[in-house]
Amino acid sequence: MQTASTVDHIHAPGHSQNQTKRLATASMVGTTLEWYDFTIYNTMAALVFSHLFFPNFDPLAGTILAFSTYAVGYVSRPLGGIIFGHLGDKLGRRAVLVATLIAMGLTTALMGLLPTYASIGALAPLLLVALRFLQGVALGGEWAGAVLLSVEHGRQDRRGLNASWTQVGPSFGTLLGTGLIAAITATMSDEAFLAWGWRIPFIVSLALVTFGLWVRSGVGESPMFKSLEESAAKAKAPIKEVLSLHWRRLLLAGGSRIGSDVLYGLIVVFTLTYVTTVLHLPRSMALVAVLIGTACNAVAVPFFGALSDRWGRRTVYGLGTAGAIVWAFVFFMLLDTAQPLMIVLAVVVGLLLHAAMYGPQASFVIEQFPTRVRYSGSSLAYTFAGIVGGGFAPLIIAALFQNYNHTVAISLYVAGALCVTGLALLFARETAHRPLED
């Protein structure tokens, strides 16, 4: 276990406020880029990709196919988790985070330069799938490293808060992506947006990469990894060690993520499709609702992360999960009123409940594993759960609605995924007030 002297040395009071802010920003920037990328892809999949890459299908079927390519980015994540998790435990956290950031930005920018089906036929969606696959590989190694960067540098009694800055990244990324798309759609015609405007947000990702590299250049290697390296205690085969010695923790850590991902897929991704194609309301209304809800989520995530430092991870996480199960049914009741305020309320409350789970999630996951395999274990838990949860959620939700033409089946699916998370929390150990393992 981590000794008190080691902890005091690593988290000495001399750790400046500027360094703390830079650590928070450095841990946040990767997930901001990740979810900026995913937000613009999700939005384009819901709004225009069925026309651009799958024009030979009816609108809902084309949307389902677009969401299928979205799922490819999740399926490829475990490969990235294996590759970069191994490298992160062998070579260090910092070098891996630089590589994943560059790879994410380049693949996203290339999506914005892709020719469409009208130009090159079936090769267009194939190239889209290939880029999604490569992007997923990079993403598979990003999250765990970003969390470890903040937690292994930061104060041990604030691990929930420190880890939650990585979790704020998705909200910032969604805000940036949604806000940019809203601004673009408001300033150009539908024809111009369909012709070339949709490309702009993808290419803009290069600016985020540049900023991220600058921020991370000022952050050193994790003190805990340095200590591990100096003592020659690094794992020889981190992945093998996780699977053989920590498989139960792996299952619990992964299971804890499934419900929050499915809930997020419902509220942020499917809302756009439902409001525009089922309720036949303006696209701007759905975008504004998601924008407001995501802003509330961004503020709430660190609050719940800090609260988990006091109340415990399982308590805060569990309350959010229970509330979300109820909201899975209330959500569509509010949407179906077709009233702007009710739609905003449905999204905001849903994303606040998501924040109650998402705030403690990062610290809960990484605390399951000792330092020598923490990168690998966290990466595997996060990426494999992402396939079951977030990767197929938009596809399953759209398919359920197409088959049943009713939202009850969707609510049952979301509630079922949240029950999986509840069971994982029930059988997991409380980690908030224990020191990290060596």
Protein backbone atom coordinates (compact mmCIF):
# COMPACT_ATOMS: atom_id res chain seq x y z
CA MET A 1 0.00 0.00 0.00
CA GLN A 2 1.09 3.63 -0.48
CA THR A 3 2.83 4.80 2.69
CA ALA A 4 2.01 8.07 4.41
CA SER A 5 5.51 9.48 3.84
CA THR A 6 5.34 8.74 0.13
CA VAL A 7 1.94 10.36 -0.14
CA ASP A 8 3.07 13.46 1.74
CA HIS A 9 6.11 13.74 -0.52
CA ILE A 10 4.12 13.42 -3.68
CA HIS A 11 1.39 15.81 -2.60
CA ALA A 12 3.35 18.37 -0.66
CA PRO A 13 1.70 21.74 0.10
CA GLY A 14 4.25 23.42 -2.18
CA HIS A 15 2.40 22.06 -5.19
CA SER A 16 1.52 25.47 -6.71
CA GLN A 17 -1.95 26.56 -7.73
CA ASN A 18 -0.72 27.09 -11.29
CA GLN A 19 0.58 23.52 -11.42
CA THR A 20 -2.74 22.23 -10.11
CA LYS A 21 -4.64 24.15 -12.78
CA ARG A 22 -2.30 22.91 -15.48
CA LEU A 23 -2.74 19.32 -14.30
CA ALA A 24 -6.52 19.69 -14.38
CA THR A 25 -6.37 21.19 -17.87
CA ALA A 26 -3.92 18.56 -19.12
CA SER A 27 -6.12 15.73 -17.87
CA MET A 28 -9.22 17.38 -19.31
CA VAL A 29 -7.93 18.29 -22.78
CA GLY A 30 -7.76 14.74 -24.14
CA THR A 31 -11.31 13.83 -23.19
CA THR A 32 -12.47 17.24 -24.39
CA LEU A 33 -11.03 16.44 -27.82
CA GLU A 34 -12.42 12.90 -27.64
CA TRP A 35 -15.96 14.03 -26.97
CA TYR A 36 -15.71 16.99 -29.31
CA ASP A 37 -14.87 14.41 -31.99
CA PHE A 38 -17.66 12.09 -30.91
CA THR A 39 -20.19 14.92 -30.58
CA ILE A 40 -19.67 16.24 -34.07
CA TYR A 41 -19.74 12.70 -35.43
CA ASN A 42 -22.91 11.85 -33.49
CA THR A 43 -24.58 15.05 -34.63
CA MET A 44 -23.61 14.54 -38.25
CA ALA A 45 -24.76 10.91 -38.06
CA ALA A 46 -28.13 12.08 -36.81
CA LEU A 47 -28.48 15.02 -39.22
CA VAL A 48 -26.62 14.49 -42.52
CA PHE A 49 -24.53 11.31 -42.76
CA SER A 50 -27.48 9.23 -43.92
CA HIS A 51 -27.64 11.54 -46.98
CA LEU A 52 -23.89 11.85 -47.52
CA PHE A 53 -22.67 8.31 -46.97
CA PHE A 54 -25.80 6.08 -47.03
CA PRO A 55 -28.12 7.73 -49.59
CA ASN A 56 -29.74 4.50 -50.83
CA PHE A 57 -31.66 3.88 -47.60
CA ASP A 58 -34.70 5.50 -46.00
CA PRO A 59 -33.80 8.23 -43.42
CA LEU A 60 -34.13 6.11 -40.25
CA ALA A 61 -32.29 3.13 -41.77
CA GLY A 62 -29.55 5.45 -43.01
CA THR A 63 -29.25 6.93 -39.52
CA ILE A 64 -28.93 3.43 -38.04
CA LEU A 65 -26.11 2.66 -40.50
CA ALA A 66 -24.39 5.93 -39.57
CA PHE A 67 -24.64 4.97 -35.89
CA SER A 68 -23.15 1.58 -36.83
CA THR A 69 -19.98 3.31 -37.99
CA TYR A 70 -20.10 5.23 -34.70
CA ALA A 71 -20.03 1.85 -32.91
CA VAL A 72 -16.85 0.89 -34.79
CA GLY A 73 -15.02 3.57 -32.82
CA TYR A 74 -15.99 1.77 -29.62
CA VAL A 75 -15.25 -1.74 -30.86
CA SER A 76 -11.67 -0.73 -31.71
CA ARG A 77 -11.10 0.92 -28.33
CA PRO A 78 -10.07 -2.27 -26.48
CA LEU A 79 -7.25 -2.74 -29.00
CA GLY A 80 -6.03 0.73 -28.07
CA GLY A 81 -6.56 -0.07 -24.40
CA ILE A 82 -4.36 -3.16 -24.73
CA ILE A 83 -1.62 -1.45 -26.75
CA PHE A 84 -1.45 1.86 -24.91
CA GLY A 85 -2.28 0.36 -21.52
CA HIS A 86 0.75 -1.89 -21.84
CA LEU A 87 2.93 1.02 -22.98
CA GLY A 88 1.61 3.27 -20.21
CA ASP A 89 2.60 0.76 -17.53
CA LYS A 90 5.95 0.02 -19.18
CA LEU A 91 7.13 3.38 -20.59
CA GLY A 92 5.16 5.92 -18.58
CA ARG A 93 1.94 7.91 -18.70
CA ARG A 94 3.12 11.11 -20.38
CA ALA A 95 4.59 9.77 -23.64
CA VAL A 96 1.51 7.66 -24.34
CA LEU A 97 -0.80 10.63 -23.79
CA VAL A 98 1.07 12.71 -26.37
CA ALA A 99 0.79 9.92 -28.97
CA THR A 100 -2.93 9.34 -28.42
CA LEU A 101 -3.73 13.06 -28.59
CA ILE A 102 -2.01 13.48 -31.96
CA ALA A 103 -3.66 10.35 -33.40
CA MET A 104 -7.13 11.47 -32.30
CA GLY A 105 -6.81 14.89 -33.86
CA LEU A 106 -5.44 13.69 -37.19
CA THR A 107 -8.11 11.03 -37.73
CA THR A 108 -10.88 13.51 -36.95
CA ALA A 109 -9.49 16.14 -39.32
CA LEU A 110 -9.26 13.54 -42.09
CA MET A 111 -12.96 12.74 -41.65
CA GLY A 112 -13.66 16.33 -42.59
CA LEU A 113 -11.75 15.86 -45.84
CA LEU A 114 -13.49 12.64 -46.91
CA PRO A 115 -15.26 12.51 -50.30
CA THR A 116 -18.90 11.48 -50.03
CA TYR A 117 -20.87 8.63 -51.61
CA ALA A 118 -21.82 10.92 -54.51
CA SER A 119 -18.12 11.30 -55.40
CA ILE A 120 -16.60 7.84 -54.92
CA GLY A 121 -19.50 5.51 -54.17
CA ALA A 122 -19.19 2.71 -51.60
CA LEU A 123 -15.56 3.59 -50.90
CA ALA A 124 -16.74 6.67 -48.97
CA PRO A 125 -18.45 4.83 -46.08
CA LEU A 126 -15.57 2.32 -46.03
CA LEU A 127 -13.06 5.12 -45.51
CA LEU A 128 -15.30 6.58 -42.82
CA VAL A 129 -15.31 3.24 -41.01
CA ALA A 130 -11.51 2.94 -41.32
CA LEU A 131 -10.96 6.37 -39.77
CA ARG A 132 -13.43 5.59 -37.00
CA PHE A 133 -11.49 2.41 -36.26
CA LEU A 134 -8.15 4.22 -36.02
CA GLN A 135 -9.70 6.96 -33.94
CA GLY A 136 -11.09 4.36 -31.55
CA VAL A 137 -7.66 2.77 -31.13
CA ALA A 138 -6.22 6.13 -30.06
CA LEU A 139 -9.15 6.83 -27.75
CA GLY A 140 -8.67 3.46 -26.09
CA GLY A 141 -5.41 4.61 -24.56
CA GLU A 142 -6.34 8.19 -23.74
CA TRP A 143 -8.84 8.08 -20.89
CA ALA A 144 -6.93 6.02 -18.32
CA GLY A 145 -3.73 7.97 -18.86
CA ALA A 146 -5.52 11.28 -18.45
CA VAL A 147 -7.10 10.17 -15.16
CA LEU A 148 -3.80 8.81 -13.85
CA LEU A 149 -2.06 12.05 -14.76
CA SER A 150 -4.28 13.98 -12.34
CA VAL A 151 -4.69 11.34 -9.62
CA GLU A 152 -1.07 10.21 -9.36
CA HIS A 153 0.10 13.83 -9.23
CA GLY A 154 -2.66 15.12 -6.98
CA ARG A 155 -3.60 14.98 -3.29
CA GLN A 156 -4.80 11.58 -2.15
CA ASP A 157 -7.71 12.97 -0.13
CA ARG A 158 -9.05 14.64 -3.29
CA ARG A 159 -8.82 11.79 -5.76
CA GLY A 160 -12.53 12.01 -6.58
CA LEU A 161 -12.29 15.70 -7.42
CA ASN A 162 -8.96 15.39 -9.25
CA ALA A 163 -10.11 12.46 -11.37
CA SER A 164 -13.39 14.20 -12.18
CA TRP A 165 -11.60 16.87 -14.24
CA THR A 166 -11.04 14.22 -16.88
CA GLN A 167 -14.78 13.56 -16.74
CA VAL A 168 -15.55 17.23 -17.35
CA GLY A 169 -13.84 16.88 -20.73
CA PRO A 170 -16.85 15.16 -22.34
CA SER A 171 -19.11 18.04 -21.34
CA PHE A 172 -16.68 20.64 -22.66
CA GLY A 173 -16.18 18.63 -25.83
CA THR A 174 -19.93 18.30 -26.30
CA LEU A 175 -20.39 22.02 -25.64
CA LEU A 176 -17.70 22.95 -28.14
CA GLY A 177 -18.99 20.56 -30.77
CA THR A 178 -22.68 21.35 -30.31
CA GLY A 179 -22.04 25.09 -30.03
CA LEU A 180 -19.94 25.17 -33.20
CA ILE A 181 -22.50 23.14 -35.16
CA ALA A 182 -25.32 25.36 -33.86
CA ALA A 183 -23.40 28.47 -34.97
CA ILE A 184 -22.66 26.99 -38.40
CA THR A 185 -26.25 25.86 -39.01
CA ALA A 186 -27.54 29.26 -37.91
CA THR A 187 -25.34 31.12 -40.39
CA MET A 188 -25.78 29.03 -43.54
CA SER A 189 -28.54 27.38 -45.51
CA ASP A 190 -29.35 23.68 -45.19
CA GLU A 191 -28.02 23.20 -48.72
CA ALA A 192 -24.66 24.79 -47.91
CA PHE A 193 -24.39 22.84 -44.66
CA LEU A 194 -25.06 19.58 -46.49
CA ALA A 195 -22.63 20.50 -49.29
CA TRP A 196 -19.59 21.61 -47.26
CA GLY A 197 -20.49 23.17 -43.91
CA TRP A 198 -20.50 19.83 -42.10
CA ARG A 199 -16.74 19.53 -42.75
CA ILE A 200 -15.73 22.58 -40.72
CA PRO A 201 -16.07 21.10 -37.19
CA PHE A 202 -13.94 18.09 -38.10
CA ILE A 203 -11.05 20.21 -39.39
CA VAL A 204 -11.23 22.57 -36.37
CA SER A 205 -10.13 19.64 -34.15
CA LEU A 206 -6.52 20.38 -35.17
CA ALA A 207 -6.66 23.55 -33.07
CA LEU A 208 -7.61 21.51 -30.00
CA VAL A 209 -4.70 19.15 -30.61
CA THR A 210 -2.24 22.04 -30.78
CA PHE A 211 -3.52 23.48 -27.51
CA GLY A 212 -3.47 20.06 -25.85
CA LEU A 213 0.14 19.39 -26.81
CA TRP A 214 1.18 22.76 -25.40
CA VAL A 215 -0.56 22.11 -22.08
CA ARG A 216 0.81 18.59 -21.67
CA SER A 217 4.34 19.70 -22.51
CA GLY A 218 4.44 21.44 -19.13
CA VAL A 219 3.43 18.37 -17.10
CA GLY A 220 6.03 15.87 -15.95
CA GLU A 221 5.78 12.11 -15.56
CA SER A 222 3.61 10.74 -12.76
CA PRO A 223 5.57 10.65 -9.45
CA MET A 224 4.04 7.27 -8.64
CA PHE A 225 5.25 5.79 -11.92
CA LYS A 226 8.71 7.28 -11.35
CA SER A 227 8.82 5.66 -7.93
CA LEU A 228 7.75 2.35 -9.45
CA GLU A 229 10.46 2.65 -12.11
CA GLU A 230 13.18 3.48 -9.60
CA SER A 231 12.29 0.47 -7.47
CA ALA A 232 12.30 -1.83 -10.54
CA ALA A 233 8.78 -2.97 -9.62
CA LYS A 234 7.12 -2.49 -13.01
CA ALA A 235 4.96 -5.36 -14.25
CA LYS A 236 6.61 -7.49 -16.94
CA ALA A 237 3.29 -8.33 -18.60
CA PRO A 238 0.67 -5.82 -17.31
CA ILE A 239 -2.27 -7.14 -19.35
CA LYS A 240 -1.63 -10.74 -18.32
CA GLU A 241 -1.35 -9.67 -14.68
CA VAL A 242 -4.67 -7.83 -14.82
CA LEU A 243 -6.49 -10.76 -16.42
CA SER A 244 -5.01 -13.37 -14.10
CA LEU A 245 -4.92 -11.55 -10.75
CA HIS A 246 -7.45 -8.74 -10.99
CA TRP A 247 -10.21 -10.13 -13.24
CA ARG A 248 -12.94 -9.62 -10.63
CA ARG A 249 -12.00 -5.97 -10.18
CA LEU A 250 -11.92 -5.65 -13.96
CA LEU A 251 -15.51 -6.88 -14.24
CA LEU A 252 -16.78 -4.61 -11.47
CA ALA A 253 -14.97 -1.55 -12.81
CA GLY A 254 -16.27 -2.21 -16.32
CA GLY A 255 -19.80 -2.96 -15.16
CA SER A 256 -19.95 0.33 -13.28
CA ARG A 257 -19.60 2.25 -16.54
CA ILE A 258 -22.29 0.58 -18.67
CA GLY A 259 -25.37 2.37 -17.31
CA SER A 260 -23.96 5.89 -17.52
CA ASP A 261 -22.86 5.35 -21.12
CA VAL A 262 -26.26 4.09 -22.24
CA LEU A 263 -27.98 6.99 -20.47
CA TYR A 264 -25.65 9.45 -22.19
CA GLY A 265 -26.34 7.85 -25.56
CA LEU A 266 -30.07 8.29 -24.99
CA ILE A 267 -29.97 11.90 -23.87
CA VAL A 268 -27.23 13.41 -26.02
CA VAL A 269 -27.33 11.28 -29.17
CA PHE A 270 -30.87 9.95 -29.65
CA THR A 271 -32.58 13.16 -28.51
CA LEU A 272 -31.40 14.85 -31.72
CA THR A 273 -32.93 12.12 -33.86
CA TYR A 274 -36.17 11.87 -31.84
CA VAL A 275 -36.87 15.60 -31.70
CA THR A 276 -36.20 16.19 -35.39
CA THR A 277 -37.53 13.03 -37.08
CA VAL A 278 -40.29 11.89 -34.70
CA LEU A 279 -41.60 15.10 -33.13
CA HIS A 280 -40.80 17.09 -36.31
CA LEU A 281 -39.47 20.02 -34.32
CA PRO A 282 -36.64 22.33 -35.44
CA ARG A 283 -33.09 21.00 -35.26
CA SER A 284 -32.07 24.11 -33.32
CA MET A 285 -34.42 23.22 -30.45
CA ALA A 286 -32.75 19.86 -29.90
CA LEU A 287 -29.27 21.38 -30.13
CA VAL A 288 -30.10 24.13 -27.62
CA ALA A 289 -31.56 21.60 -25.15
CA VAL A 290 -28.42 19.46 -25.35
CA LEU A 291 -26.23 22.56 -25.05
CA ILE A 292 -27.95 23.71 -21.84
CA GLY A 293 -27.97 20.21 -20.36
CA THR A 294 -24.32 19.68 -21.13
CA ALA A 295 -23.36 22.99 -19.49
CA CYS A 296 -25.15 21.86 -16.33
CA ASN A 297 -23.38 18.50 -16.56
CA ALA A 298 -19.98 20.20 -16.80
CA VAL A 299 -20.59 22.11 -13.57
CA ALA A 300 -22.09 19.13 -11.74
CA VAL A 301 -19.40 16.52 -12.54
CA PRO A 302 -16.63 18.00 -10.30
CA PHE A 303 -19.24 18.68 -7.60
CA PHE A 304 -20.21 15.02 -7.46
CA GLY A 305 -16.57 13.98 -7.77
CA ALA A 306 -15.71 16.07 -4.70
CA LEU A 307 -18.83 14.81 -2.89
CA SER A 308 -17.61 11.24 -3.41
CA ASP A 309 -14.44 12.13 -1.49
CA ARG A 310 -16.67 12.80 1.53
CA TRP A 311 -19.61 10.39 1.13
CA GLY A 312 -17.83 7.58 -0.72
CA ARG A 313 -17.84 6.56 -4.39
CA ARG A 314 -20.56 3.91 -4.13
CA THR A 315 -23.01 6.17 -2.26
CA VAL A 316 -22.91 9.05 -4.74
CA TYR A 317 -22.68 6.74 -7.76
CA GLY A 318 -25.57 4.61 -6.50
CA LEU A 319 -27.90 7.56 -5.87
CA GLY A 320 -27.30 8.78 -9.41
CA THR A 321 -27.98 5.32 -10.80
CA ALA A 322 -31.28 4.94 -8.93
CA GLY A 323 -32.47 8.36 -10.06
CA ALA A 324 -31.52 7.63 -13.66
CA ILE A 325 -33.59 4.41 -13.69
CA VAL A 326 -36.69 6.45 -12.87
CA TRP A 327 -35.76 9.19 -15.34
CA ALA A 328 -35.44 6.68 -18.19
CA PHE A 329 -39.26 6.55 -18.20
CA VAL A 330 -40.00 10.18 -17.31
CA PHE A 331 -37.67 11.39 -20.08
CA PHE A 332 -39.92 10.49 -23.03
CA MET A 333 -43.05 11.69 -21.22
CA LEU A 334 -41.52 15.16 -21.17
CA LEU A 335 -40.20 14.99 -24.74
CA ASP A 336 -43.60 13.94 -26.08
CA THR A 337 -45.17 17.17 -24.83
CA ALA A 338 -43.22 18.83 -27.68
CA GLN A 339 -42.86 21.89 -25.43
CA PRO A 340 -39.42 23.54 -25.51
CA LEU A 341 -39.21 23.99 -21.73
CA MET A 342 -40.19 20.37 -21.08
CA ILE A 343 -37.60 19.13 -23.58
CA VAL A 344 -34.89 21.22 -21.90
CA LEU A 345 -36.00 19.94 -18.48
CA ALA A 346 -35.84 16.32 -19.67
CA VAL A 347 -32.29 16.76 -20.97
CA VAL A 348 -30.99 18.84 -18.02
CA VAL A 349 -32.23 16.50 -15.28
CA GLY A 350 -31.02 13.47 -17.24
CA LEU A 351 -27.54 14.93 -17.57
CA LEU A 352 -27.44 15.94 -13.89
CA LEU A 353 -28.20 12.34 -12.94
CA HIS A 354 -25.52 11.26 -15.39
CA ALA A 355 -23.09 13.64 -13.63
CA ALA A 356 -23.84 11.99 -10.28
CA MET A 357 -22.53 8.74 -11.79
CA TYR A 358 -19.85 10.22 -13.99
CA GLY A 359 -18.24 12.40 -11.31
CA PRO A 360 -17.09 9.50 -9.07
CA GLN A 361 -16.61 7.07 -11.98
CA ALA A 362 -13.02 7.87 -12.94
CA SER A 363 -11.63 7.62 -9.42
CA PHE A 364 -13.72 4.50 -8.73
CA VAL A 365 -12.34 2.70 -11.80
CA ILE A 366 -8.65 3.52 -11.38
CA GLU A 367 -8.73 2.83 -7.63
CA GLN A 368 -9.52 -0.81 -8.35
CA PHE A 369 -5.96 -1.49 -9.58
CA PRO A 370 -2.42 -1.21 -8.13
CA THR A 371 0.08 1.25 -9.63
CA ARG A 372 2.04 -1.38 -11.56
CA VAL A 373 -1.00 -2.29 -13.71
CA ARG A 374 -3.25 0.71 -13.16
CA TYR A 375 -3.00 2.01 -16.74
CA SER A 376 -3.71 -1.41 -18.27
CA GLY A 377 -6.48 -2.36 -15.84
CA SER A 378 -8.28 0.97 -16.12
CA SER A 379 -7.97 1.01 -19.92
CA LEU A 380 -9.38 -2.50 -20.28
CA ALA A 381 -12.28 -1.82 -17.91
CA TYR A 382 -13.14 1.45 -19.59
CA THR A 383 -12.85 0.32 -23.20
CA PHE A 384 -14.59 -3.06 -22.98
CA ALA A 385 -17.46 -1.53 -21.00
CA GLY A 386 -17.63 1.18 -23.65
CA ILE A 387 -18.51 -1.41 -26.29
CA VAL A 388 -21.40 -2.82 -24.26
CA GLY A 389 -22.57 0.59 -23.10
CA GLY A 390 -21.83 3.61 -25.28
CA GLY A 391 -20.72 1.89 -28.47
CA PHE A 392 -23.98 0.19 -29.36
CA ALA A 393 -26.41 2.33 -27.35
CA PRO A 394 -27.42 4.73 -30.17
CA LEU A 395 -27.74 1.80 -32.60
CA ILE A 396 -29.84 -0.29 -30.20
CA ILE A 397 -32.04 2.64 -29.22
CA ALA A 398 -32.74 3.55 -32.85
CA ALA A 399 -33.39 -0.11 -33.74
CA LEU A 400 -35.78 -0.55 -30.80
CA PHE A 401 -37.77 2.47 -31.87
CA GLN A 402 -37.87 1.30 -35.48
CA ASN A 403 -39.09 -2.18 -34.49
CA TYR A 404 -41.61 -1.22 -31.80
CA ASN A 405 -42.48 2.34 -32.82
CA HIS A 406 -42.76 3.10 -29.10
CA THR A 407 -40.41 4.46 -26.43
CA VAL A 408 -41.22 1.98 -23.62
CA ALA A 409 -38.78 -0.57 -25.06
CA ILE A 410 -36.05 2.10 -25.07
CA SER A 411 -36.74 3.04 -21.45
CA LEU A 412 -36.59 -0.63 -20.41
CA TYR A 413 -33.27 -1.05 -22.21
CA VAL A 414 -31.78 2.02 -20.49
CA ALA A 415 -33.10 0.92 -17.10
CA GLY A 416 -31.65 -2.56 -17.61
CA ALA A 417 -28.20 -1.14 -18.37
CA LEU A 418 -28.40 1.02 -15.24
CA CYS A 419 -29.29 -2.07 -13.18
CA VAL A 420 -26.02 -3.66 -14.36
CA THR A 421 -24.18 -0.65 -13.00
CA GLY A 422 -26.11 -0.91 -9.74
CA LEU A 423 -25.09 -4.56 -9.33
CA ALA A 424 -21.42 -3.72 -9.99
CA LEU A 425 -21.53 -1.06 -7.28
CA LEU A 426 -23.26 -3.45 -4.89
CA PHE A 427 -20.49 -6.04 -5.13
CA ALA A 428 -17.56 -3.59 -5.33
CA ARG A 429 -15.51 -2.40 -2.39
CA GLU A 430 -15.57 1.22 -1.27
CA THR A 431 -12.31 2.87 -2.36
CA ALA A 432 -12.71 6.54 -1.47
CA HIS A 433 -10.93 6.51 1.86
CA ARG A 434 -8.28 3.90 1.13
CA PRO A 435 -4.76 4.74 -0.10
CA LEU A 436 -3.86 3.72 -3.64
CA GLU A 437 -2.10 0.36 -3.91
CA ASP A 438 1.52 0.23 -5.09
